[in-house]
């Protein structure tokens, strides 16, 4: 199976299958995807997307981003959920280059984990509901998407080293993400050198922050999101191979 699925206009569409869990099971291929914004789907890309059999889309962007750029095309087979997990917008292109970029992003993730608890819990409920195959996405498929992917993989029992490695796969799309930004903003200067980057260190810092505050990702999910063992069991039943 191939983790990266090639599209002309999507740069960061990936299958989350194949990761091993602490109970010896494996995340099923073709059940859970992560992506950059699906509003770009058209023509052959749209046909390729439909062929995957996706049944549910979770759009993690702000409503104003959707109003500006559009959303995944409507289709009878698709259930669509807009769950805006980020509540404090910031412009990555304009971040002060003097700041520690990875600490800065991890701090923004901590804000999402705090502010977006309701939406994150709703996203977990949708993922656990069995309406699969499912894809969740934000604009670049990097930060909000990476955060939710990290939570899901962690709750499934995937090793932290694999969670970090999955996050960092966005680095393969960085050049195309930067090119898209420049094309969309021909009169602006990209001042932050970390734009489009997703090194493991960002997710490592974020997970360490959760562990320091809540003891673990599981502790964060139960204490802050209200996740219980039944939901985690449902996630594992829906997404993992049988023991």
C-alpha atoms as a PDB file:
ATOM      1  CA  UNK A   1       0.000   0.000   0.000  1.00  0.00           C
ATOM      2  CA  UNK A   2       1.115   3.573  -0.689  1.00  0.00           C
ATOM      3  CA  UNK A   3       0.782   6.142   2.091  1.00  0.00           C
ATOM      4  CA  UNK A   4       0.932   9.207  -0.173  1.00  0.00           C
ATOM      5  CA  UNK A   5      -1.868   9.334  -2.725  1.00  0.00           C
ATOM      6  CA  UNK A   6      -1.022  11.409  -5.749  1.00  0.00           C
ATOM      7  CA  UNK A   7      -3.231  14.280  -6.908  1.00  0.00           C
ATOM      8  CA  UNK A   8      -2.478  17.151  -9.250  1.00  0.00           C
ATOM      9  CA  UNK A   9      -3.649  19.923  -6.916  1.00  0.00           C
ATOM     10  CA  UNK A  10      -3.555  18.261  -3.497  1.00  0.00           C
ATOM     11  CA  UNK A  11      -0.065  18.075  -2.034  1.00  0.00           C
ATOM     12  CA  UNK A  12      -0.517  16.329   1.296  1.00  0.00           C
ATOM     13  CA  UNK A  13      -3.169  13.591   0.991  1.00  0.00           C
ATOM     14  CA  UNK A  14      -2.099  10.559   3.010  1.00  0.00           C
ATOM     15  CA  UNK A  15      -3.458   7.230   4.196  1.00  0.00           C
ATOM     16  CA  UNK A  16      -2.986   6.734   7.934  1.00  0.00           C
ATOM     17  CA  UNK A  17      -3.075   2.951   7.592  1.00  0.00           C
ATOM     18  CA  UNK A  18      -0.324   0.536   8.489  1.00  0.00           C
ATOM     19  CA  UNK A  19       0.786   1.871  11.860  1.00  0.00           C
ATOM     20  CA  UNK A  20       1.195  -0.778  14.559  1.00  0.00           C
ATOM     21  CA  UNK A  21      -0.392  -0.314  17.981  1.00  0.00           C
ATOM     22  CA  UNK A  22       0.602  -1.319  21.492  1.00  0.00           C
ATOM     23  CA  UNK A  23      -1.783  -4.302  21.458  1.00  0.00           C
ATOM     24  CA  UNK A  24      -0.259  -5.786  18.300  1.00  0.00           C
ATOM     25  CA  UNK A  25      -2.949  -4.626  15.892  1.00  0.00           C
ATOM     26  CA  UNK A  26      -2.563  -2.402  12.831  1.00  0.00           C
ATOM     27  CA  UNK A  27      -4.451   0.618  11.573  1.00  0.00           C
ATOM     28  CA  UNK A  28      -6.383  -0.526   8.515  1.00  0.00           C
ATOM     29  CA  UNK A  29      -5.469   0.866   5.123  1.00  0.00           C
ATOM     30  CA  UNK A  30      -8.102   2.817   3.227  1.00  0.00           C
ATOM     31  CA  UNK A  31     -10.131   3.777   6.308  1.00  0.00           C
ATOM     32  CA  UNK A  32      -8.665   7.065   7.571  1.00  0.00           C
ATOM     33  CA  UNK A  33      -7.028   9.794   5.503  1.00  0.00           C
ATOM     34  CA  UNK A  34      -5.525  13.217   6.215  1.00  0.00           C
ATOM     35  CA  UNK A  35      -5.171  15.982   3.656  1.00  0.00           C
ATOM     36  CA  UNK A  36      -4.710  19.585   2.700  1.00  0.00           C
ATOM     37  CA  UNK A  37      -7.845  21.473   1.667  1.00  0.00           C
ATOM     38  CA  UNK A  38     -10.248  19.484  -0.490  1.00  0.00           C
ATOM     39  CA  UNK A  39     -11.721  22.593  -2.109  1.00  0.00           C
ATOM     40  CA  UNK A  40      -9.003  22.135  -4.743  1.00  0.00           C
ATOM     41  CA  UNK A  41     -10.543  18.910  -6.045  1.00  0.00           C
ATOM     42  CA  UNK A  42     -11.685  19.058  -9.657  1.00  0.00           C
ATOM     43  CA  UNK A  43     -11.451  17.098 -12.897  1.00  0.00           C
ATOM     44  CA  UNK A  44      -9.316  13.965 -12.666  1.00  0.00           C
ATOM     45  CA  UNK A  45      -8.478  14.739  -9.042  1.00  0.00           C
ATOM     46  CA  UNK A  46     -12.184  14.641  -8.164  1.00  0.00           C
ATOM     47  CA  UNK A  47     -12.624  11.311  -9.924  1.00  0.00           C
ATOM     48  CA  UNK A  48      -9.563   9.917  -8.144  1.00  0.00           C
ATOM     49  CA  UNK A  49     -10.935  11.096  -4.803  1.00  0.00           C
ATOM     50  CA  UNK A  50     -14.372   9.539  -5.383  1.00  0.00           C
ATOM     51  CA  UNK A  51     -12.710   6.261  -6.324  1.00  0.00           C
ATOM     52  CA  UNK A  52     -11.339   6.034  -2.788  1.00  0.00           C
ATOM     53  CA  UNK A  53     -14.913   5.605  -1.567  1.00  0.00           C
ATOM     54  CA  UNK A  54     -14.669   8.340   1.054  1.00  0.00           C
ATOM     55  CA  UNK A  55     -17.939   8.699   2.934  1.00  0.00           C
ATOM     56  CA  UNK A  56     -17.150  11.417   5.486  1.00  0.00           C
ATOM     57  CA  UNK A  57     -15.187  14.689   5.358  1.00  0.00           C
ATOM     58  CA  UNK A  58     -14.175  16.645   8.457  1.00  0.00           C
ATOM     59  CA  UNK A  59     -13.123  20.182   7.543  1.00  0.00           C
ATOM     60  CA  UNK A  60     -11.097  21.716  10.390  1.00  0.00           C
ATOM     61  CA  UNK A  61     -10.904  25.218   8.905  1.00  0.00           C
ATOM     62  CA  UNK A  62     -12.568  28.422  10.035  1.00  0.00           C
ATOM     63  CA  UNK A  63     -15.916  29.197   8.379  1.00  0.00           C
ATOM     64  CA  UNK A  64     -14.326  32.318   6.908  1.00  0.00           C
ATOM     65  CA  UNK A  65     -11.645  30.188   5.235  1.00  0.00           C
ATOM     66  CA  UNK A  66     -14.373  28.081   3.659  1.00  0.00           C
ATOM     67  CA  UNK A  67     -16.269  31.203   2.534  1.00  0.00           C
ATOM     68  CA  UNK A  68     -13.066  32.522   0.967  1.00  0.00           C
ATOM     69  CA  UNK A  69     -11.744  29.363  -0.697  1.00  0.00           C
ATOM     70  CA  UNK A  70     -14.651  26.927  -0.905  1.00  0.00           C
ATOM     71  CA  UNK A  71     -15.156  23.398   0.430  1.00  0.00           C
ATOM     72  CA  UNK A  72     -15.095  19.861  -0.893  1.00  0.00           C
ATOM     73  CA  UNK A  73     -17.607  19.537  -3.751  1.00  0.00           C
ATOM     74  CA  UNK A  74     -21.006  18.285  -2.636  1.00  0.00           C
ATOM     75  CA  UNK A  75     -21.796  14.690  -3.476  1.00  0.00           C
ATOM     76  CA  UNK A  76     -24.526  12.265  -2.446  1.00  0.00           C
ATOM     77  CA  UNK A  77     -22.003   9.850  -0.934  1.00  0.00           C
ATOM     78  CA  UNK A  78     -20.335  12.468   1.278  1.00  0.00           C
ATOM     79  CA  UNK A  79     -21.277  13.553   4.794  1.00  0.00           C
ATOM     80  CA  UNK A  80     -19.587  16.883   5.545  1.00  0.00           C
ATOM     81  CA  UNK A  81     -18.691  18.307   8.962  1.00  0.00           C
ATOM     82  CA  UNK A  82     -17.098  21.705   9.556  1.00  0.00           C
ATOM     83  CA  UNK A  83     -15.424  21.581  12.977  1.00  0.00           C
ATOM     84  CA  UNK A  84     -13.243  24.660  13.373  1.00  0.00           C
ATOM     85  CA  UNK A  85     -10.790  23.563  16.062  1.00  0.00           C
ATOM     86  CA  UNK A  86      -8.633  26.704  16.050  1.00  0.00           C
ATOM     87  CA  UNK A  87     -10.069  29.787  17.762  1.00  0.00           C
ATOM     88  CA  UNK A  88      -7.133  32.228  17.641  1.00  0.00           C
ATOM     89  CA  UNK A  89      -6.120  32.909  14.037  1.00  0.00           C
ATOM     90  CA  UNK A  90      -2.555  33.860  13.158  1.00  0.00           C
ATOM     91  CA  UNK A  91      -0.694  34.464   9.905  1.00  0.00           C
ATOM     92  CA  UNK A  92       2.135  31.974   9.555  1.00  0.00           C
ATOM     93  CA  UNK A  93       3.639  33.867   6.654  1.00  0.00           C
ATOM     94  CA  UNK A  94       4.168  36.906   8.892  1.00  0.00           C
ATOM     95  CA  UNK A  95       5.587  35.260  12.049  1.00  0.00           C
ATOM     96  CA  UNK A  96       8.658  37.012  13.448  1.00  0.00           C
ATOM     97  CA  UNK A  97      11.700  35.173  12.007  1.00  0.00           C
ATOM     98  CA  UNK A  98      13.521  35.774  15.301  1.00  0.00           C
ATOM     99  CA  UNK A  99      11.162  33.476  17.228  1.00  0.00           C
ATOM    100  CA  UNK A 100      11.908  29.814  17.844  1.00  0.00           C
ATOM    101  CA  UNK A 101       9.621  28.468  15.106  1.00  0.00           C
ATOM    102  CA  UNK A 102       8.997  25.016  16.569  1.00  0.00           C
ATOM    103  CA  UNK A 103       8.263  26.298  20.068  1.00  0.00           C
ATOM    104  CA  UNK A 104       5.958  28.900  18.531  1.00  0.00           C
ATOM    105  CA  UNK A 105       3.958  26.287  16.617  1.00  0.00           C
ATOM    106  CA  UNK A 106       3.781  23.946  19.611  1.00  0.00           C
ATOM    107  CA  UNK A 107       2.361  26.836  21.643  1.00  0.00           C
ATOM    108  CA  UNK A 108      -0.290  27.418  18.970  1.00  0.00           C
ATOM    109  CA  UNK A 109      -1.157  23.717  19.106  1.00  0.00           C
ATOM    110  CA  UNK A 110      -1.558  24.023  22.873  1.00  0.00           C
ATOM    111  CA  UNK A 111      -4.064  26.814  22.253  1.00  0.00           C
ATOM    112  CA  UNK A 112      -6.020  24.590  19.882  1.00  0.00           C
ATOM    113  CA  UNK A 113      -5.971  21.740  22.409  1.00  0.00           C
ATOM    114  CA  UNK A 114      -7.436  24.145  24.978  1.00  0.00           C
ATOM    115  CA  UNK A 115      -9.827  26.268  22.901  1.00  0.00           C
ATOM    116  CA  UNK A 116     -10.972  23.608  20.468  1.00  0.00           C
ATOM    117  CA  UNK A 117     -11.820  20.891  22.981  1.00  0.00           C
ATOM    118  CA  UNK A 118     -15.476  20.728  21.948  1.00  0.00           C
ATOM    119  CA  UNK A 119     -14.703  20.485  18.240  1.00  0.00           C
ATOM    120  CA  UNK A 120     -11.901  17.973  18.780  1.00  0.00           C
ATOM    121  CA  UNK A 121     -14.238  15.773  20.794  1.00  0.00           C
ATOM    122  CA  UNK A 122     -16.847  16.034  18.036  1.00  0.00           C
ATOM    123  CA  UNK A 123     -14.220  15.031  15.486  1.00  0.00           C
ATOM    124  CA  UNK A 124     -13.301  11.957  17.545  1.00  0.00           C
ATOM    125  CA  UNK A 125     -16.991  11.055  17.815  1.00  0.00           C
ATOM    126  CA  UNK A 126     -17.398  11.288  14.026  1.00  0.00           C
ATOM    127  CA  UNK A 127     -14.274   9.212  13.400  1.00  0.00           C
ATOM    128  CA  UNK A 128     -15.458   6.581  15.875  1.00  0.00           C
ATOM    129  CA  UNK A 129     -18.959   6.452  14.403  1.00  0.00           C
ATOM    130  CA  UNK A 130     -17.976   4.101  11.612  1.00  0.00           C
ATOM    131  CA  UNK A 131     -18.796   6.428   8.694  1.00  0.00           C
ATOM    132  CA  UNK A 132     -15.662   5.429   6.839  1.00  0.00           C
ATOM    133  CA  UNK A 133     -13.584   5.799   4.783  1.00  0.00           C
ATOM    134  CA  UNK A 134     -13.095   9.251   6.308  1.00  0.00           C
ATOM    135  CA  UNK A 135     -10.752  12.148   5.603  1.00  0.00           C
ATOM    136  CA  UNK A 136     -10.016  15.150   7.807  1.00  0.00           C
ATOM    137  CA  UNK A 137      -8.237  18.238   6.567  1.00  0.00           C
ATOM    138  CA  UNK A 138      -7.418  21.904   7.137  1.00  0.00           C
ATOM    139  CA  UNK A 139      -5.757  24.323   4.701  1.00  0.00           C
ATOM    140  CA  UNK A 140      -2.300  22.811   4.302  1.00  0.00           C
ATOM    141  CA  UNK A 141      -2.942  19.515   6.081  1.00  0.00           C
ATOM    142  CA  UNK A 142      -0.145  20.378   8.472  1.00  0.00           C
ATOM    143  CA  UNK A 143      -1.062  21.957  11.818  1.00  0.00           C
ATOM    144  CA  UNK A 144      -4.729  21.432  12.695  1.00  0.00           C
ATOM    145  CA  UNK A 145      -4.734  18.213  10.697  1.00  0.00           C
ATOM    146  CA  UNK A 146      -1.442  17.133  12.238  1.00  0.00           C
ATOM    147  CA  UNK A 147      -2.751  17.782  15.729  1.00  0.00           C
ATOM    148  CA  UNK A 148      -5.889  15.687  15.193  1.00  0.00           C
ATOM    149  CA  UNK A 149      -3.856  12.920  13.549  1.00  0.00           C
ATOM    150  CA  UNK A 150      -1.501  12.896  16.528  1.00  0.00           C
ATOM    151  CA  UNK A 151      -4.410  12.606  18.955  1.00  0.00           C
ATOM    152  CA  UNK A 152      -6.110   9.812  17.017  1.00  0.00           C
ATOM    153  CA  UNK A 153      -2.925   7.791  16.518  1.00  0.00           C
ATOM    154  CA  UNK A 154      -1.991   8.208  20.182  1.00  0.00           C
ATOM    155  CA  UNK A 155      -5.421   7.107  21.398  1.00  0.00           C
ATOM    156  CA  UNK A 156      -5.222   4.077  19.118  1.00  0.00           C
ATOM    157  CA  UNK A 157      -1.989   3.075  20.836  1.00  0.00           C
ATOM    158  CA  UNK A 158       0.472   3.956  18.055  1.00  0.00           C
ATOM    159  CA  UNK A 159       4.017   4.493  19.349  1.00  0.00           C
ATOM    160  CA  UNK A 160       5.082   8.111  19.785  1.00  0.00           C
ATOM    161  CA  UNK A 161       7.988   7.680  17.365  1.00  0.00           C
ATOM    162  CA  UNK A 162       5.484   6.747  14.640  1.00  0.00           C
ATOM    163  CA  UNK A 163       3.206   9.659  15.566  1.00  0.00           C
ATOM    164  CA  UNK A 164       6.168  12.013  15.177  1.00  0.00           C
ATOM    165  CA  UNK A 165       7.236  10.430  11.898  1.00  0.00           C
ATOM    166  CA  UNK A 166       3.745  10.720  10.449  1.00  0.00           C
ATOM    167  CA  UNK A 167       3.601  14.393  11.380  1.00  0.00           C
ATOM    168  CA  UNK A 168       6.948  15.037   9.691  1.00  0.00           C
ATOM    169  CA  UNK A 169       5.846  13.516   6.367  1.00  0.00           C
ATOM    170  CA  UNK A 170       4.330  16.917   5.564  1.00  0.00           C
ATOM    171  CA  UNK A 171       7.927  18.050   5.023  1.00  0.00           C
ATOM    172  CA  UNK A 172       7.717  16.272   1.657  1.00  0.00           C
ATOM    173  CA  UNK A 173       5.015  18.768   0.626  1.00  0.00           C
ATOM    174  CA  UNK A 174       6.696  21.930   1.945  1.00  0.00           C
ATOM    175  CA  UNK A 175       8.006  23.210  -1.389  1.00  0.00           C
ATOM    176  CA  UNK A 176       4.610  22.851  -3.068  1.00  0.00           C
ATOM    177  CA  UNK A 177       2.841  24.494  -0.118  1.00  0.00           C
ATOM    178  CA  UNK A 178       5.216  27.454  -0.367  1.00  0.00           C
ATOM    179  CA  UNK A 179       4.681  27.658  -4.127  1.00  0.00           C
ATOM    180  CA  UNK A 180       0.912  27.724  -3.594  1.00  0.00           C
ATOM    181  CA  UNK A 181       1.253  30.528  -1.055  1.00  0.00           C
ATOM    182  CA  UNK A 182       3.412  32.616  -3.385  1.00  0.00           C
ATOM    183  CA  UNK A 183       0.971  32.110  -6.243  1.00  0.00           C
ATOM    184  CA  UNK A 184      -1.937  33.207  -4.047  1.00  0.00           C
ATOM    185  CA  UNK A 185      -0.086  36.229  -2.601  1.00  0.00           C
ATOM    186  CA  UNK A 186       2.059  37.663  -5.429  1.00  0.00           C
ATOM    187  CA  UNK A 187       2.393  41.055  -3.723  1.00  0.00           C
ATOM    188  CA  UNK A 188       3.406  39.775  -0.281  1.00  0.00           C
ATOM    189  CA  UNK A 189       6.742  38.690   1.139  1.00  0.00           C
ATOM    190  CA  UNK A 190       7.077  35.372   2.964  1.00  0.00           C
ATOM    191  CA  UNK A 191       9.048  36.476   6.013  1.00  0.00           C
ATOM    192  CA  UNK A 192       8.856  33.382   8.215  1.00  0.00           C
ATOM    193  CA  UNK A 193      11.413  30.705   7.215  1.00  0.00           C
ATOM    194  CA  UNK A 194       9.344  27.981   8.905  1.00  0.00           C
ATOM    195  CA  UNK A 195       6.358  28.350   6.578  1.00  0.00           C
ATOM    196  CA  UNK A 196       5.146  24.962   5.359  1.00  0.00           C
ATOM    197  CA  UNK A 197       7.553  23.092   7.632  1.00  0.00           C
ATOM    198  CA  UNK A 198       6.556  20.249   9.947  1.00  0.00           C
ATOM    199  CA  UNK A 199       9.612  18.772  11.674  1.00  0.00           C
ATOM    200  CA  UNK A 200       9.132  16.107  14.341  1.00  0.00           C
ATOM    201  CA  UNK A 201      10.228  18.573  17.018  1.00  0.00           C
ATOM    202  CA  UNK A 202       6.941  20.497  16.826  1.00  0.00           C
ATOM    203  CA  UNK A 203       4.848  17.425  17.629  1.00  0.00           C
ATOM    204  CA  UNK A 204       7.393  16.242  20.191  1.00  0.00           C
ATOM    205  CA  UNK A 205       7.075  19.536  22.081  1.00  0.00           C
ATOM    206  CA  UNK A 206       3.289  19.483  21.882  1.00  0.00           C
ATOM    207  CA  UNK A 207       2.991  15.912  23.172  1.00  0.00           C
ATOM    208  CA  UNK A 208       5.457  16.704  25.955  1.00  0.00           C
ATOM    209  CA  UNK A 209       3.329  19.706  26.944  1.00  0.00           C
ATOM    210  CA  UNK A 210       0.218  17.517  27.109  1.00  0.00           C
ATOM    211  CA  UNK A 211       2.084  14.960  29.207  1.00  0.00           C
ATOM    212  CA  UNK A 212       3.321  17.662  31.578  1.00  0.00           C
ATOM    213  CA  UNK A 213      -0.193  19.062  32.039  1.00  0.00           C
ATOM    214  CA  UNK A 214      -2.328  15.915  31.920  1.00  0.00           C
ATOM    215  CA  UNK A 215       0.080  13.003  32.365  1.00  0.00           C
ATOM    216  CA  UNK A 216      -0.408  11.690  28.817  1.00  0.00           C
ATOM    217  CA  UNK A 217      -2.433  12.152  25.644  1.00  0.00           C
ATOM    218  CA  UNK A 218      -4.961   9.757  27.148  1.00  0.00           C
ATOM    219  CA  UNK A 219      -5.113  11.952  30.252  1.00  0.00           C
ATOM    220  CA  UNK A 220      -5.704  15.041  28.115  1.00  0.00           C
ATOM    221  CA  UNK A 221      -8.443  13.291  26.151  1.00  0.00           C
ATOM    222  CA  UNK A 222     -10.287  12.095  29.249  1.00  0.00           C
ATOM    223  CA  UNK A 223      -9.837  15.232  31.359  1.00  0.00           C
ATOM    224  CA  UNK A 224     -10.185  17.972  28.757  1.00  0.00           C
ATOM    225  CA  UNK A 225     -12.201  16.359  25.950  1.00  0.00           C
ATOM    226  CA  UNK A 226     -14.390  14.113  28.078  1.00  0.00           C
ATOM    227  CA  UNK A 227     -13.347  11.011  26.157  1.00  0.00           C
ATOM    228  CA  UNK A 228     -14.143   7.737  27.935  1.00  0.00           C
ATOM    229  CA  UNK A 229     -12.919   4.178  27.507  1.00  0.00           C
ATOM    230  CA  UNK A 230     -15.975   3.320  25.413  1.00  0.00           C
ATOM    231  CA  UNK A 231     -15.071   5.925  22.784  1.00  0.00           C
ATOM    232  CA  UNK A 232     -11.457   4.778  22.665  1.00  0.00           C
ATOM    233  CA  UNK A 233     -12.631   1.168  22.339  1.00  0.00           C
ATOM    234  CA  UNK A 234     -14.957   2.232  19.521  1.00  0.00           C
ATOM    235  CA  UNK A 235     -12.101   4.004  17.721  1.00  0.00           C
ATOM    236  CA  UNK A 236      -9.968   0.886  17.974  1.00  0.00           C
ATOM    237  CA  UNK A 237     -12.781  -1.386  16.833  1.00  0.00           C
ATOM    238  CA  UNK A 238     -13.551   0.762  13.799  1.00  0.00           C
ATOM    239  CA  UNK A 239     -10.001   1.459  12.662  1.00  0.00           C
ATOM    240  CA  UNK A 240      -7.765  -1.424  13.749  1.00  0.00           C
ATOM    241  CA  UNK A 241      -7.354  -4.961  12.496  1.00  0.00           C
ATOM    242  CA  UNK A 242      -8.629  -7.699  14.772  1.00  0.00           C
ATOM    243  CA  UNK A 243      -6.263  -8.912  17.481  1.00  0.00           C
END
